[in-house]
Every structure is written in C-alpha cells, then in structure tokens.
Amino acid sequence: CRQCGAPIEKRLYFTGVCPYCRGSDLFAKVISGNRFYSISG
C-alpha cells in the first residue's frame, strides 16, 4: 500500500482495498519463479 506500506498478498493482480488503512493505491509485484514483474505508474 502506497499510503501505509502494508504488504498484501493477492492473486488477482492489485485490485482491491488495503485492509489496514482502507486505501486503494497499491504497488504490485507479480512473482513467477525466478522472474519479477513490476506493476507501477
């Protein structure tokens, strides 16, 4: 979460709301094996 920095595990990318601060501005990292896909603006 870009607002409070809480780590959140999600399967469907980065949609949803932070369960801690209720913010929706999330920074996602898609993990697949030894490869890393960054999702950001």
Full PDB file with SEQRES, HELIX, SHEET, SSBOND, CRYST1, ORIGX, SCALE, CONECT and MASTER records, all heavy atoms in Angstrom:
SEQRES   1 A   41  CYS ARG GLN CYS GLY ALA PRO ILE GLU LYS ARG LEU TYR          
SEQRES   2 A   41  PHE THR GLY VAL CYS PRO TYR CYS ARG GLY SER ASP LEU          
SEQRES   3 A   41  PHE ALA LYS VAL ILE SER GLY ASN ARG PHE TYR SER ILE          
SEQRES   4 A   41  SER GLY                                                      
SHEET    1 AA1 2 ALA A  28  SER A  32  0                                        
SHEET    2 AA1 2 ARG A  35  ILE A  39 -1                                        
CRYST1    1.000    1.000    1.000  90.00  90.00  90.00 P 1           1          
ORIGX1      1.000000  0.000000  0.000000        0.00000                         
ORIGX2      0.000000  1.000000  0.000000        0.00000                         
ORIGX3      0.000000  0.000000  1.000000        0.00000                         
SCALE1      1.000000  0.000000  0.000000        0.00000                         
SCALE2      0.000000  1.000000  0.000000        0.00000                         
SCALE3      0.000000  0.000000  1.000000        0.00000                         
ATOM      1  N   CYS A   1       0.848  -1.188   0.000  1.00  0.00           N  
ATOM      2  CA  CYS A   1       0.000   0.000   0.000  1.00  0.00           C  
ATOM      3  C   CYS A   1       0.885   1.240   0.000  1.00  0.00           C  
ATOM      4  O   CYS A   1       1.801   1.372   0.826  1.00  0.00           O  
ATOM      5  CB  CYS A   1      -0.913  -0.004   1.222  1.00  0.00           C  
ATOM      6  SG  CYS A   1      -1.959   1.465   1.345  1.00  0.00           S  
ATOM      7  N   ARG A   2       0.651   2.146  -0.928  1.00  0.00           N  
ATOM      8  CA  ARG A   2       1.461   3.351  -1.011  1.00  0.00           C  
ATOM      9  C   ARG A   2       1.161   4.332   0.129  1.00  0.00           C  
ATOM     10  O   ARG A   2       1.948   5.237   0.387  1.00  0.00           O  
ATOM     11  CB  ARG A   2       1.218   4.049  -2.352  1.00  0.00           C  
ATOM     12  CG  ARG A   2       1.867   3.353  -3.547  1.00  0.00           C  
ATOM     13  CD  ARG A   2       1.955   4.297  -4.729  1.00  0.00           C  
ATOM     14  NE  ARG A   2       2.597   3.681  -5.870  1.00  0.00           N  
ATOM     15  CZ  ARG A   2       1.964   3.123  -6.898  1.00  0.00           C  
ATOM     16  NH1 ARG A   2       0.647   3.096  -6.900  1.00  0.00           N  
ATOM     17  NH2 ARG A   2       2.624   2.587  -7.898  1.00  0.00           N  
ATOM     18  N   GLN A   3       0.046   4.135   0.801  1.00  0.00           N  
ATOM     19  CA  GLN A   3      -0.336   5.064   1.863  1.00  0.00           C  
ATOM     20  C   GLN A   3       0.239   4.658   3.211  1.00  0.00           C  
ATOM     21  O   GLN A   3       0.768   5.494   3.947  1.00  0.00           O  
ATOM     22  CB  GLN A   3      -1.865   5.182   1.943  1.00  0.00           C  
ATOM     23  CG  GLN A   3      -2.478   5.810   0.699  1.00  0.00           C  
ATOM     24  CD  GLN A   3      -3.974   5.999   0.834  1.00  0.00           C  
ATOM     25  OE1 GLN A   3      -4.535   5.916   1.924  1.00  0.00           O  
ATOM     26  NE2 GLN A   3      -4.639   6.262  -0.294  1.00  0.00           N  
ATOM     27  N   CYS A   4       0.156   3.327   3.520  1.00  0.00           N  
ATOM     28  CA  CYS A   4       0.650   2.895   4.830  1.00  0.00           C  
ATOM     29  C   CYS A   4       1.807   1.903   4.742  1.00  0.00           C  
ATOM     30  O   CYS A   4       2.406   1.561   5.761  1.00  0.00           O  
ATOM     31  CB  CYS A   4      -0.486   2.284   5.656  1.00  0.00           C  
ATOM     32  SG  CYS A   4      -1.107   0.707   5.005  1.00  0.00           S  
ATOM     33  N   GLY A   5       2.107   1.407   3.535  1.00  0.00           N  
ATOM     34  CA  GLY A   5       3.240   0.493   3.347  1.00  0.00           C  
ATOM     35  C   GLY A   5       2.970  -0.933   3.741  1.00  0.00           C  
ATOM     36  O   GLY A   5       3.898  -1.746   3.812  1.00  0.00           O  
ATOM     37  N   ALA A   6       1.728  -1.297   4.014  1.00  0.00           N  
ATOM     38  CA  ALA A   6       1.402  -2.653   4.445  1.00  0.00           C  
ATOM     39  C   ALA A   6       1.562  -3.640   3.289  1.00  0.00           C  
ATOM     40  O   ALA A   6       1.138  -3.347   2.175  1.00  0.00           O  
ATOM     41  CB  ALA A   6      -0.027  -2.705   4.977  1.00  0.00           C  
ATOM     42  N   PRO A   7       2.181  -4.817   3.533  1.00  0.00           N  
ATOM     43  CA  PRO A   7       2.272  -5.845   2.478  1.00  0.00           C  
ATOM     44  C   PRO A   7       0.964  -6.624   2.375  1.00  0.00           C  
ATOM     45  O   PRO A   7       0.372  -7.005   3.380  1.00  0.00           O  
ATOM     46  CB  PRO A   7       3.417  -6.737   2.964  1.00  0.00           C  
ATOM     47  CG  PRO A   7       3.376  -6.614   4.458  1.00  0.00           C  
ATOM     48  CD  PRO A   7       2.879  -5.216   4.766  1.00  0.00           C  
ATOM     49  N   ILE A   8       0.514  -6.868   1.157  1.00  0.00           N  
ATOM     50  CA  ILE A   8      -0.751  -7.554   0.928  1.00  0.00           C  
ATOM     51  C   ILE A   8      -0.531  -8.588  -0.173  1.00  0.00           C  
ATOM     52  O   ILE A   8      -0.002  -8.257  -1.224  1.00  0.00           O  
ATOM     53  CB  ILE A   8      -1.857  -6.570   0.481  1.00  0.00           C  
ATOM     54  CG1 ILE A   8      -1.950  -5.397   1.453  1.00  0.00           C  
ATOM     55  CG2 ILE A   8      -3.201  -7.267   0.361  1.00  0.00           C  
ATOM     56  CD1 ILE A   8      -2.673  -4.213   0.884  1.00  0.00           C  
ATOM     57  N   GLU A   9      -0.950  -9.814   0.052  1.00  0.00           N  
ATOM     58  CA  GLU A   9      -0.857 -10.850  -0.970  1.00  0.00           C  
ATOM     59  C   GLU A   9      -2.187 -10.966  -1.676  1.00  0.00           C  
ATOM     60  O   GLU A   9      -3.228 -11.119  -1.040  1.00  0.00           O  
ATOM     61  CB  GLU A   9      -0.472 -12.195  -0.367  1.00  0.00           C  
ATOM     62  CG  GLU A   9       1.004 -12.339  -0.097  1.00  0.00           C  
ATOM     63  CD  GLU A   9       1.422 -13.793   0.057  1.00  0.00           C  
ATOM     64  OE1 GLU A   9       0.573 -14.672  -0.165  1.00  0.00           O  
ATOM     65  OE2 GLU A   9       2.591 -14.024   0.383  1.00  0.00           O  
ATOM     66  N   LYS A  10      -2.154 -10.881  -3.004  1.00  0.00           N  
ATOM     67  CA  LYS A  10      -3.370 -11.014  -3.789  1.00  0.00           C  
ATOM     68  C   LYS A  10      -3.077 -11.865  -5.021  1.00  0.00           C  
ATOM     69  O   LYS A  10      -1.989 -11.798  -5.583  1.00  0.00           O  
ATOM     70  CB  LYS A  10      -3.917  -9.651  -4.227  1.00  0.00           C  
ATOM     71  CG  LYS A  10      -4.342  -8.763  -3.064  1.00  0.00           C  
ATOM     72  CD  LYS A  10      -5.052  -7.528  -3.551  1.00  0.00           C  
ATOM     73  CE  LYS A  10      -6.397  -7.862  -4.158  1.00  0.00           C  
ATOM     74  NZ  LYS A  10      -7.319  -8.474  -3.234  1.00  0.00           N  
ATOM     75  N   ARG A  11      -4.031 -12.647  -5.434  1.00  0.00           N  
ATOM     76  CA  ARG A  11      -3.857 -13.468  -6.624  1.00  0.00           C  
ATOM     77  C   ARG A  11      -4.276 -12.707  -7.871  1.00  0.00           C  
ATOM     78  O   ARG A  11      -3.667 -12.838  -8.927  1.00  0.00           O  
ATOM     79  CB  ARG A  11      -4.667 -14.761  -6.502  1.00  0.00           C  
ATOM     80  CG  ARG A  11      -4.571 -15.655  -7.726  1.00  0.00           C  
ATOM     81  CD  ARG A  11      -5.181 -17.003  -7.457  1.00  0.00           C  
ATOM     82  NE  ARG A  11      -4.401 -17.737  -6.495  1.00  0.00           N  
ATOM     83  CZ  ARG A  11      -3.317 -18.450  -6.799  1.00  0.00           C  
ATOM     84  NH1 ARG A  11      -2.882 -18.502  -8.040  1.00  0.00           N  
ATOM     85  NH2 ARG A  11      -2.653 -19.111  -5.883  1.00  0.00           N  
ATOM     86  N   LEU A  12      -5.314 -11.907  -7.795  1.00  0.00           N  
ATOM     87  CA  LEU A  12      -5.819 -11.197  -8.964  1.00  0.00           C  
ATOM     88  C   LEU A  12      -5.190  -9.814  -9.047  1.00  0.00           C  
ATOM     89  O   LEU A  12      -5.829  -8.793  -8.782  1.00  0.00           O  
ATOM     90  CB  LEU A  12      -7.349 -11.089  -8.906  1.00  0.00           C  
ATOM     91  CG  LEU A  12      -8.085 -12.425  -8.945  1.00  0.00           C  
ATOM     92  CD1 LEU A  12      -9.572 -12.218  -8.790  1.00  0.00           C  
ATOM     93  CD2 LEU A  12      -7.795 -13.149 -10.244  1.00  0.00           C  
ATOM     94  N   TYR A  13      -3.907  -9.790  -9.374  1.00  0.00           N  
ATOM     95  CA  TYR A  13      -3.154  -8.547  -9.542  1.00  0.00           C  
ATOM     96  C   TYR A  13      -3.253  -7.679  -8.298  1.00  0.00           C  
ATOM     97  O   TYR A  13      -3.079  -8.127  -7.194  1.00  0.00           O  
ATOM     98  CB  TYR A  13      -3.606  -7.784 -10.797  1.00  0.00           C  
ATOM     99  CG  TYR A  13      -3.248  -8.516 -12.058  1.00  0.00           C  
ATOM    100  CD1 TYR A  13      -4.205  -9.154 -12.817  1.00  0.00           C  
ATOM    101  CD2 TYR A  13      -1.926  -8.586 -12.463  1.00  0.00           C  
ATOM    102  CE1 TYR A  13      -3.874  -9.828 -13.963  1.00  0.00           C  
ATOM    103  CE2 TYR A  13      -1.584  -9.267 -13.607  1.00  0.00           C  
ATOM    104  CZ  TYR A  13      -2.552  -9.885 -14.367  1.00  0.00           C  
ATOM    105  OH  TYR A  13      -2.209 -10.564 -15.495  1.00  0.00           O  
ATOM    106  N   PHE A  14      -3.610  -6.425  -8.454  1.00  0.00           N  
ATOM    107  CA  PHE A  14      -3.519  -5.463  -7.368  1.00  0.00           C  
ATOM    108  C   PHE A  14      -4.851  -4.760  -7.117  1.00  0.00           C  
ATOM    109  O   PHE A  14      -4.902  -3.703  -6.535  1.00  0.00           O  
ATOM    110  CB  PHE A  14      -2.468  -4.411  -7.703  1.00  0.00           C  
ATOM    111  CG  PHE A  14      -2.594  -3.888  -9.107  1.00  0.00           C  
ATOM    112  CD1 PHE A  14      -3.345  -2.773  -9.393  1.00  0.00           C  
ATOM    113  CD2 PHE A  14      -1.975  -4.550 -10.157  1.00  0.00           C  
ATOM    114  CE1 PHE A  14      -3.466  -2.317 -10.686  1.00  0.00           C  
ATOM    115  CE2 PHE A  14      -2.094  -4.085 -11.458  1.00  0.00           C  
ATOM    116  CZ  PHE A  14      -2.846  -2.971 -11.725  1.00  0.00           C  
ATOM    117  N   THR A  15      -5.956  -5.330  -7.622  1.00  0.00           N  
ATOM    118  CA  THR A  15      -7.262  -4.706  -7.394  1.00  0.00           C  
ATOM    119  C   THR A  15      -7.687  -4.910  -5.947  1.00  0.00           C  
ATOM    120  O   THR A  15      -7.331  -5.894  -5.306  1.00  0.00           O  
ATOM    121  CB  THR A  15      -8.329  -5.307  -8.311  1.00  0.00           C  
ATOM    122  OG1 THR A  15      -8.389  -6.710  -8.083  1.00  0.00           O  
ATOM    123  CG2 THR A  15      -7.989  -5.047  -9.766  1.00  0.00           C  
ATOM    124  N   GLY A  16      -8.445  -4.005  -5.426  1.00  0.00           N  
ATOM    125  CA  GLY A  16      -8.950  -4.148  -4.072  1.00  0.00           C  
ATOM    126  C   GLY A  16      -8.583  -2.972  -3.191  1.00  0.00           C  
ATOM    127  O   GLY A  16      -8.070  -1.954  -3.650  1.00  0.00           O  
ATOM    128  N   VAL A  17      -8.819  -3.155  -1.910  1.00  0.00           N  
ATOM    129  CA  VAL A  17      -8.615  -2.081  -0.925  1.00  0.00           C  
ATOM    130  C   VAL A  17      -7.707  -2.618   0.162  1.00  0.00           C  
ATOM    131  O   VAL A  17      -7.798  -3.767   0.581  1.00  0.00           O  
ATOM    132  CB  VAL A  17      -9.971  -1.636  -0.335  1.00  0.00           C  
ATOM    133  CG1 VAL A  17      -9.763  -0.570   0.738  1.00  0.00           C  
ATOM    134  CG2 VAL A  17     -10.880  -1.101  -1.435  1.00  0.00           C  
ATOM    135  N   CYS A  18      -6.808  -1.767   0.652  1.00  0.00           N  
ATOM    136  CA  CYS A  18      -5.903  -2.143   1.734  1.00  0.00           C  
ATOM    137  C   CYS A  18      -6.718  -2.433   2.990  1.00  0.00           C  
ATOM    138  O   CYS A  18      -7.527  -1.590   3.423  1.00  0.00           O  
ATOM    139  CB  CYS A  18      -4.908  -1.011   1.995  1.00  0.00           C  
ATOM    140  SG  CYS A  18      -3.837  -1.300   3.431  1.00  0.00           S  
ATOM    141  N   PRO A  19      -6.553  -3.602   3.619  1.00  0.00           N  
ATOM    142  CA  PRO A  19      -7.353  -3.932   4.805  1.00  0.00           C  
ATOM    143  C   PRO A  19      -6.932  -3.159   6.055  1.00  0.00           C  
ATOM    144  O   PRO A  19      -7.612  -3.230   7.072  1.00  0.00           O  
ATOM    145  CB  PRO A  19      -7.114  -5.435   4.978  1.00  0.00           C  
ATOM    146  CG  PRO A  19      -5.776  -5.672   4.365  1.00  0.00           C  
ATOM    147  CD  PRO A  19      -5.665  -4.698   3.232  1.00  0.00           C  
ATOM    148  N   TYR A  20      -5.817  -2.427   5.970  1.00  0.00           N  
ATOM    149  CA  TYR A  20      -5.314  -1.711   7.138  1.00  0.00           C  
ATOM    150  C   TYR A  20      -5.751  -0.248   7.143  1.00  0.00           C  
ATOM    151  O   TYR A  20      -6.343   0.236   8.118  1.00  0.00           O  
ATOM    152  CB  TYR A  20      -3.784  -1.811   7.194  1.00  0.00           C  
ATOM    153  CG  TYR A  20      -3.299  -3.237   7.266  1.00  0.00           C  
ATOM    154  CD1 TYR A  20      -2.894  -3.912   6.118  1.00  0.00           C  
ATOM    155  CD2 TYR A  20      -3.263  -3.920   8.481  1.00  0.00           C  
ATOM    156  CE1 TYR A  20      -2.458  -5.238   6.166  1.00  0.00           C  
ATOM    157  CE2 TYR A  20      -2.832  -5.241   8.545  1.00  0.00           C  
ATOM    158  CZ  TYR A  20      -2.429  -5.891   7.391  1.00  0.00           C  
ATOM    159  OH  TYR A  20      -2.008  -7.192   7.445  1.00  0.00           O  
ATOM    160  N   CYS A  21      -5.459   0.465   6.056  1.00  0.00           N  
ATOM    161  CA  CYS A  21      -5.818   1.881   6.014  1.00  0.00           C  
ATOM    162  C   CYS A  21      -6.977   2.157   5.074  1.00  0.00           C  
ATOM    163  O   CYS A  21      -7.373   3.315   4.905  1.00  0.00           O  
ATOM    164  CB  CYS A  21      -4.609   2.725   5.623  1.00  0.00           C  
ATOM    165  SG  CYS A  21      -4.097   2.498   3.890  1.00  0.00           S  
ATOM    166  N   ARG A  22      -7.514   1.140   4.457  1.00  0.00           N  
ATOM    167  CA  ARG A  22      -8.637   1.216   3.520  1.00  0.00           C  
ATOM    168  C   ARG A  22      -8.292   2.001   2.260  1.00  0.00           C  
ATOM    169  O   ARG A  22      -9.170   2.412   1.509  1.00  0.00           O  
ATOM    170  CB  ARG A  22      -9.884   1.851   4.185  1.00  0.00           C  
ATOM    171  CG  ARG A  22     -10.269   1.219   5.513  1.00  0.00           C  
ATOM    172  CD  ARG A  22     -10.417  -0.280   5.403  1.00  0.00           C  
ATOM    173  NE  ARG A  22     -11.482  -0.658   4.470  1.00  0.00           N  
ATOM    174  CZ  ARG A  22     -11.740  -1.916   4.107  1.00  0.00           C  
ATOM    175  NH1 ARG A  22     -10.988  -2.908   4.576  1.00  0.00           N  
ATOM    176  NH2 ARG A  22     -12.711  -2.174   3.253  1.00  0.00           N  
ATOM    177  N   GLY A  23      -7.006   2.213   1.995  1.00  0.00           N  
ATOM    178  CA  GLY A  23      -6.594   2.893   0.777  1.00  0.00           C  
ATOM    179  C   GLY A  23      -6.576   1.913  -0.386  1.00  0.00           C  
ATOM    180  O   GLY A  23      -6.530   0.688  -0.209  1.00  0.00           O  
ATOM    181  N   SER A  24      -6.609   2.445  -1.604  1.00  0.00           N  
ATOM    182  CA  SER A  24      -6.632   1.590  -2.795  1.00  0.00           C  
ATOM    183  C   SER A  24      -5.448   1.855  -3.716  1.00  0.00           C  
ATOM    184  O   SER A  24      -5.406   1.326  -4.822  1.00  0.00           O  
ATOM    185  CB  SER A  24      -7.945   1.813  -3.572  1.00  0.00           C  
ATOM    186  OG  SER A  24      -8.039   3.162  -3.988  1.00  0.00           O  
ATOM    187  N   ASP A  25      -4.511   2.662  -3.278  1.00  0.00           N  
ATOM    188  CA  ASP A  25      -3.345   2.979  -4.101  1.00  0.00           C  
ATOM    189  C   ASP A  25      -2.255   1.961  -3.781  1.00  0.00           C  
ATOM    190  O   ASP A  25      -1.467   2.139  -2.851  1.00  0.00           O  
ATOM    191  CB  ASP A  25      -2.874   4.405  -3.816  1.00  0.00           C  
ATOM    192  CG  ASP A  25      -1.819   4.876  -4.818  1.00  0.00           C  
ATOM    193  OD1 ASP A  25      -1.596   4.155  -5.815  1.00  0.00           O  
ATOM    194  OD2 ASP A  25      -1.217   5.931  -4.594  1.00  0.00           O  
ATOM    195  N   LEU A  26      -2.223   0.859  -4.541  1.00  0.00           N  
ATOM    196  CA  LEU A  26      -1.313  -0.241  -4.232  1.00  0.00           C  
ATOM    197  C   LEU A  26      -0.215  -0.341  -5.287  1.00  0.00           C  
ATOM    198  O   LEU A  26      -0.419  -0.035  -6.451  1.00  0.00           O  
ATOM    199  CB  LEU A  26      -2.082  -1.570  -4.175  1.00  0.00           C  
ATOM    200  CG  LEU A  26      -3.295  -1.620  -3.243  1.00  0.00           C  
ATOM    201  CD1 LEU A  26      -3.916  -3.007  -3.301  1.00  0.00           C  
ATOM    202  CD2 LEU A  26      -2.905  -1.267  -1.824  1.00  0.00           C  
ATOM    203  N   PHE A  27       0.953  -0.797  -4.853  1.00  0.00           N  
ATOM    204  CA  PHE A  27       2.076  -1.071  -5.749  1.00  0.00           C  
ATOM    205  C   PHE A  27       2.253  -2.578  -5.804  1.00  0.00           C  
ATOM    206  O   PHE A  27       2.438  -3.218  -4.770  1.00  0.00           O  
ATOM    207  CB  PHE A  27       3.343  -0.402  -5.223  1.00  0.00           C  
ATOM    208  CG  PHE A  27       4.579  -0.731  -6.017  1.00  0.00           C  
ATOM    209  CD1 PHE A  27       4.846  -0.078  -7.212  1.00  0.00           C  
ATOM    210  CD2 PHE A  27       5.461  -1.707  -5.583  1.00  0.00           C  
ATOM    211  CE1 PHE A  27       5.979  -0.378  -7.944  1.00  0.00           C  
ATOM    212  CE2 PHE A  27       6.595  -2.010  -6.325  1.00  0.00           C  
ATOM    213  CZ  PHE A  27       6.851  -1.344  -7.499  1.00  0.00           C  
ATOM    214  N   ALA A  28       2.162  -3.165  -6.991  1.00  0.00           N  
ATOM    215  CA  ALA A  28       2.119  -4.622  -7.110  1.00  0.00           C  
ATOM    216  C   ALA A  28       3.407  -5.187  -7.689  1.00  0.00           C  
ATOM    217  O   ALA A  28       4.038  -4.588  -8.549  1.00  0.00           O  
ATOM    218  CB  ALA A  28       0.946  -5.045  -7.978  1.00  0.00           C  
ATOM    219  N   LYS A  29       3.774  -6.347  -7.220  1.00  0.00           N  
ATOM    220  CA  LYS A  29       4.907  -7.102  -7.746  1.00  0.00           C  
ATOM    221  C   LYS A  29       4.407  -8.507  -8.078  1.00  0.00           C  
ATOM    222  O   LYS A  29       4.011  -9.245  -7.187  1.00  0.00           O  
ATOM    223  CB  LYS A  29       6.037  -7.197  -6.721  1.00  0.00           C  
ATOM    224  CG  LYS A  29       6.531  -5.858  -6.199  1.00  0.00           C  
ATOM    225  CD  LYS A  29       7.515  -6.066  -5.062  1.00  0.00           C  
ATOM    226  CE  LYS A  29       7.951  -4.734  -4.462  1.00  0.00           C  
ATOM    227  NZ  LYS A  29       8.856  -4.944  -3.311  1.00  0.00           N  
ATOM    228  N   VAL A  30       4.410  -8.854  -9.338  1.00  0.00           N  
ATOM    229  CA  VAL A  30       3.953 -10.179  -9.759  1.00  0.00           C  
ATOM    230  C   VAL A  30       5.139 -11.126  -9.734  1.00  0.00           C  
ATOM    231  O   VAL A  30       6.124 -10.906 -10.432  1.00  0.00           O  
ATOM    232  CB  VAL A  30       3.333 -10.130 -11.164  1.00  0.00           C  
ATOM    233  CG1 VAL A  30       2.828 -11.506 -11.572  1.00  0.00           C  
ATOM    234  CG2 VAL A  30       2.176  -9.132 -11.181  1.00  0.00           C  
ATOM    235  N   ILE A  31       5.061 -12.168  -8.951  1.00  0.00           N  
ATOM    236  CA  ILE A  31       6.167 -13.106  -8.788  1.00  0.00           C  
ATOM    237  C   ILE A  31       5.871 -14.372  -9.582  1.00  0.00           C  
ATOM    238  O   ILE A  31       4.806 -14.969  -9.438  1.00  0.00           O  
ATOM    239  CB  ILE A  31       6.371 -13.469  -7.306  1.00  0.00           C  
ATOM    240  CG1 ILE A  31       6.477 -12.191  -6.460  1.00  0.00           C  
ATOM    241  CG2 ILE A  31       7.603 -14.336  -7.134  1.00  0.00           C  
ATOM    242  CD1 ILE A  31       7.634 -11.306  -6.844  1.00  0.00           C  
ATOM    243  N   SER A  32       6.808 -14.780 -10.424  1.00  0.00           N  
ATOM    244  CA  SER A  32       6.659 -16.025 -11.186  1.00  0.00           C  
ATOM    245  C   SER A  32       8.006 -16.693 -11.286  1.00  0.00           C  
ATOM    246  O   SER A  32       8.845 -16.317 -12.089  1.00  0.00           O  
ATOM    247  CB  SER A  32       6.104 -15.744 -12.586  1.00  0.00           C  
ATOM    248  OG  SER A  32       6.051 -16.937 -13.323  1.00  0.00           O  
ATOM    249  N   GLY A  33       8.221 -17.674 -10.424  1.00  0.00           N  
ATOM    250  CA  GLY A  33       9.516 -18.365 -10.446  1.00  0.00           C  
ATOM    251  C   GLY A  33      10.632 -17.420 -10.060  1.00  0.00           C  
ATOM    252  O   GLY A  33      10.578 -16.708  -9.060  1.00  0.00           O  
ATOM    253  N   ASN A  34      11.668 -17.383 -10.885  1.00  0.00           N  
ATOM    254  CA  ASN A  34      12.800 -16.506 -10.632  1.00  0.00           C  
ATOM    255  C   ASN A  34      12.642 -15.161 -11.312  1.00  0.00           C  
ATOM    256  O   ASN A  34      13.575 -14.366 -11.325  1.00  0.00           O  
ATOM    257  CB  ASN A  34      14.095 -17.174 -11.124  1.00  0.00           C  
ATOM    258  CG  ASN A  34      14.397 -18.437 -10.350  1.00  0.00           C  
ATOM    259  OD1 ASN A  34      14.143 -18.505  -9.156  1.00  0.00           O  
ATOM    260  ND2 ASN A  34      14.928 -19.448 -11.032  1.00  0.00           N  
ATOM    261  N   ARG A  35      11.453 -14.899 -11.889  1.00  0.00           N  
ATOM    262  CA  ARG A  35      11.250 -13.652 -12.609  1.00  0.00           C  
ATOM    263  C   ARG A  35      10.327 -12.733 -11.832  1.00  0.00           C  
ATOM    264  O   ARG A  35       9.479 -13.160 -11.062  1.00  0.00           O  
ATOM    265  CB  ARG A  35      10.679 -13.936 -14.003  1.00  0.00           C  
ATOM    266  CG  ARG A  35      11.694 -14.599 -14.897  1.00  0.00           C  
ATOM    267  CD  ARG A  35      11.617 -14.024 -16.283  1.00  0.00           C  
ATOM    268  NE  ARG A  35      10.346 -14.308 -16.912  1.00  0.00           N  
ATOM    269  CZ  ARG A  35      10.044 -15.482 -17.437  1.00  0.00           C  
ATOM    270  NH1 ARG A  35      10.896 -16.461 -17.390  1.00  0.00           N  
ATOM    271  NH2 ARG A  35       8.879 -15.677 -18.011  1.00  0.00           N  
ATOM    272  N   PHE A  36      10.487 -11.465 -12.066  1.00  0.00           N  
ATOM    273  CA  PHE A  36       9.770 -10.457 -11.310  1.00  0.00           C  
ATOM    274  C   PHE A  36       9.155  -9.461 -12.277  1.00  0.00           C  
ATOM    275  O   PHE A  36       9.837  -8.916 -13.131  1.00  0.00           O  
ATOM    276  CB  PHE A  36      10.755  -9.766 -10.368  1.00  0.00           C  
ATOM    277  CG  PHE A  36      10.262  -8.462  -9.816  1.00  0.00           C  
ATOM    278  CD1 PHE A  36       9.297  -8.443  -8.836  1.00  0.00           C  
ATOM    279  CD2 PHE A  36      10.767  -7.261 -10.277  1.00  0.00           C  
ATOM    280  CE1 PHE A  36       8.855  -7.241  -8.326  1.00  0.00           C  
ATOM    281  CE2 PHE A  36      10.327  -6.065  -9.774  1.00  0.00           C  
ATOM    282  CZ  PHE A  36       9.371  -6.058  -8.792  1.00  0.00           C  
ATOM    283  N   TYR A  37       7.847  -9.254 -12.159  1.00  0.00           N  
ATOM    284  CA  TYR A  37       7.151  -8.286 -12.997  1.00  0.00           C  
ATOM    285  C   TYR A  37       6.696  -7.132 -12.125  1.00  0.00           C  
ATOM    286  O   TYR A  37       5.937  -7.323 -11.180  1.00  0.00           O  
ATOM    287  CB  TYR A  37       5.937  -8.927 -13.683  1.00  0.00           C  
ATOM    288  CG  TYR A  37       6.287 -10.096 -14.552  1.00  0.00           C  
ATOM    289  CD1 TYR A  37       6.141 -11.387 -14.091  1.00  0.00           C  
ATOM    290  CD2 TYR A  37       6.790  -9.909 -15.835  1.00  0.00           C  
ATOM    291  CE1 TYR A  37       6.471 -12.472 -14.879  1.00  0.00           C  
ATOM    292  CE2 TYR A  37       7.119 -10.991 -16.630  1.00  0.00           C  
ATOM    293  CZ  TYR A  37       6.952 -12.262 -16.140  1.00  0.00           C  
ATOM    294  OH  TYR A  37       7.280 -13.335 -16.920  1.00  0.00           O  
ATOM    295  N   SER A  38       7.179  -5.949 -12.440  1.00  0.00           N  
ATOM    296  CA  SER A  38       6.831  -4.772 -11.661  1.00  0.00           C  
ATOM    297  C   SER A  38       5.602  -4.095 -12.261  1.00  0.00           C  
ATOM    298  O   SER A  38       5.527  -3.901 -13.467  1.00  0.00           O  
ATOM    299  CB  SER A  38       8.003  -3.784 -11.639  1.00  0.00           C  
ATOM    300  OG  SER A  38       7.613  -2.574 -11.044  1.00  0.00           O  
ATOM    301  N   ILE A  39       4.659  -3.747 -11.416  1.00  0.00           N  
ATOM    302  CA  ILE A  39       3.470  -3.032 -11.850  1.00  0.00           C  
ATOM    303  C   ILE A  39       3.452  -1.698 -11.111  1.00  0.00           C  
ATOM    304  O   ILE A  39       3.266  -1.658  -9.899  1.00  0.00           O  
ATOM    305  CB  ILE A  39       2.179  -3.810 -11.546  1.00  0.00           C  
ATOM    306  CG1 ILE A  39       2.243  -5.200 -12.165  1.00  0.00           C  
ATOM    307  CG2 ILE A  39       0.955  -3.060 -12.035  1.00  0.00           C  
ATOM    308  CD1 ILE A  39       1.055  -6.054 -11.856  1.00  0.00           C  
ATOM    309  N   SER A  40       3.678  -0.627 -11.814  1.00  0.00           N  
ATOM    310  CA  SER A  40       3.710   0.690 -11.181  1.00  0.00           C  
ATOM    311  C   SER A  40       3.354   1.736 -12.215  1.00  0.00           C  
ATOM    312  O   SER A  40       3.185   1.449 -13.393  1.00  0.00           O  
ATOM    313  CB  SER A  40       5.095   0.967 -10.593  1.00  0.00           C  
ATOM    314  OG  SER A  40       6.037   1.139 -11.630  1.00  0.00           O  
ATOM    315  N   GLY A  41       3.276   2.976 -11.754  1.00  0.00           N  
ATOM    316  CA  GLY A  41       2.963   4.063 -12.669  1.00  0.00           C  
ATOM    317  C   GLY A  41       4.183   4.703 -13.268  1.00  0.00           C  
ATOM    318  O   GLY A  41       4.073   5.647 -14.035  1.00  0.00           O  
TER     319      GLY A  41                                                      
MASTER        0    0    0    0    2    0    0    6  318    1    0    4          
END                                                                             
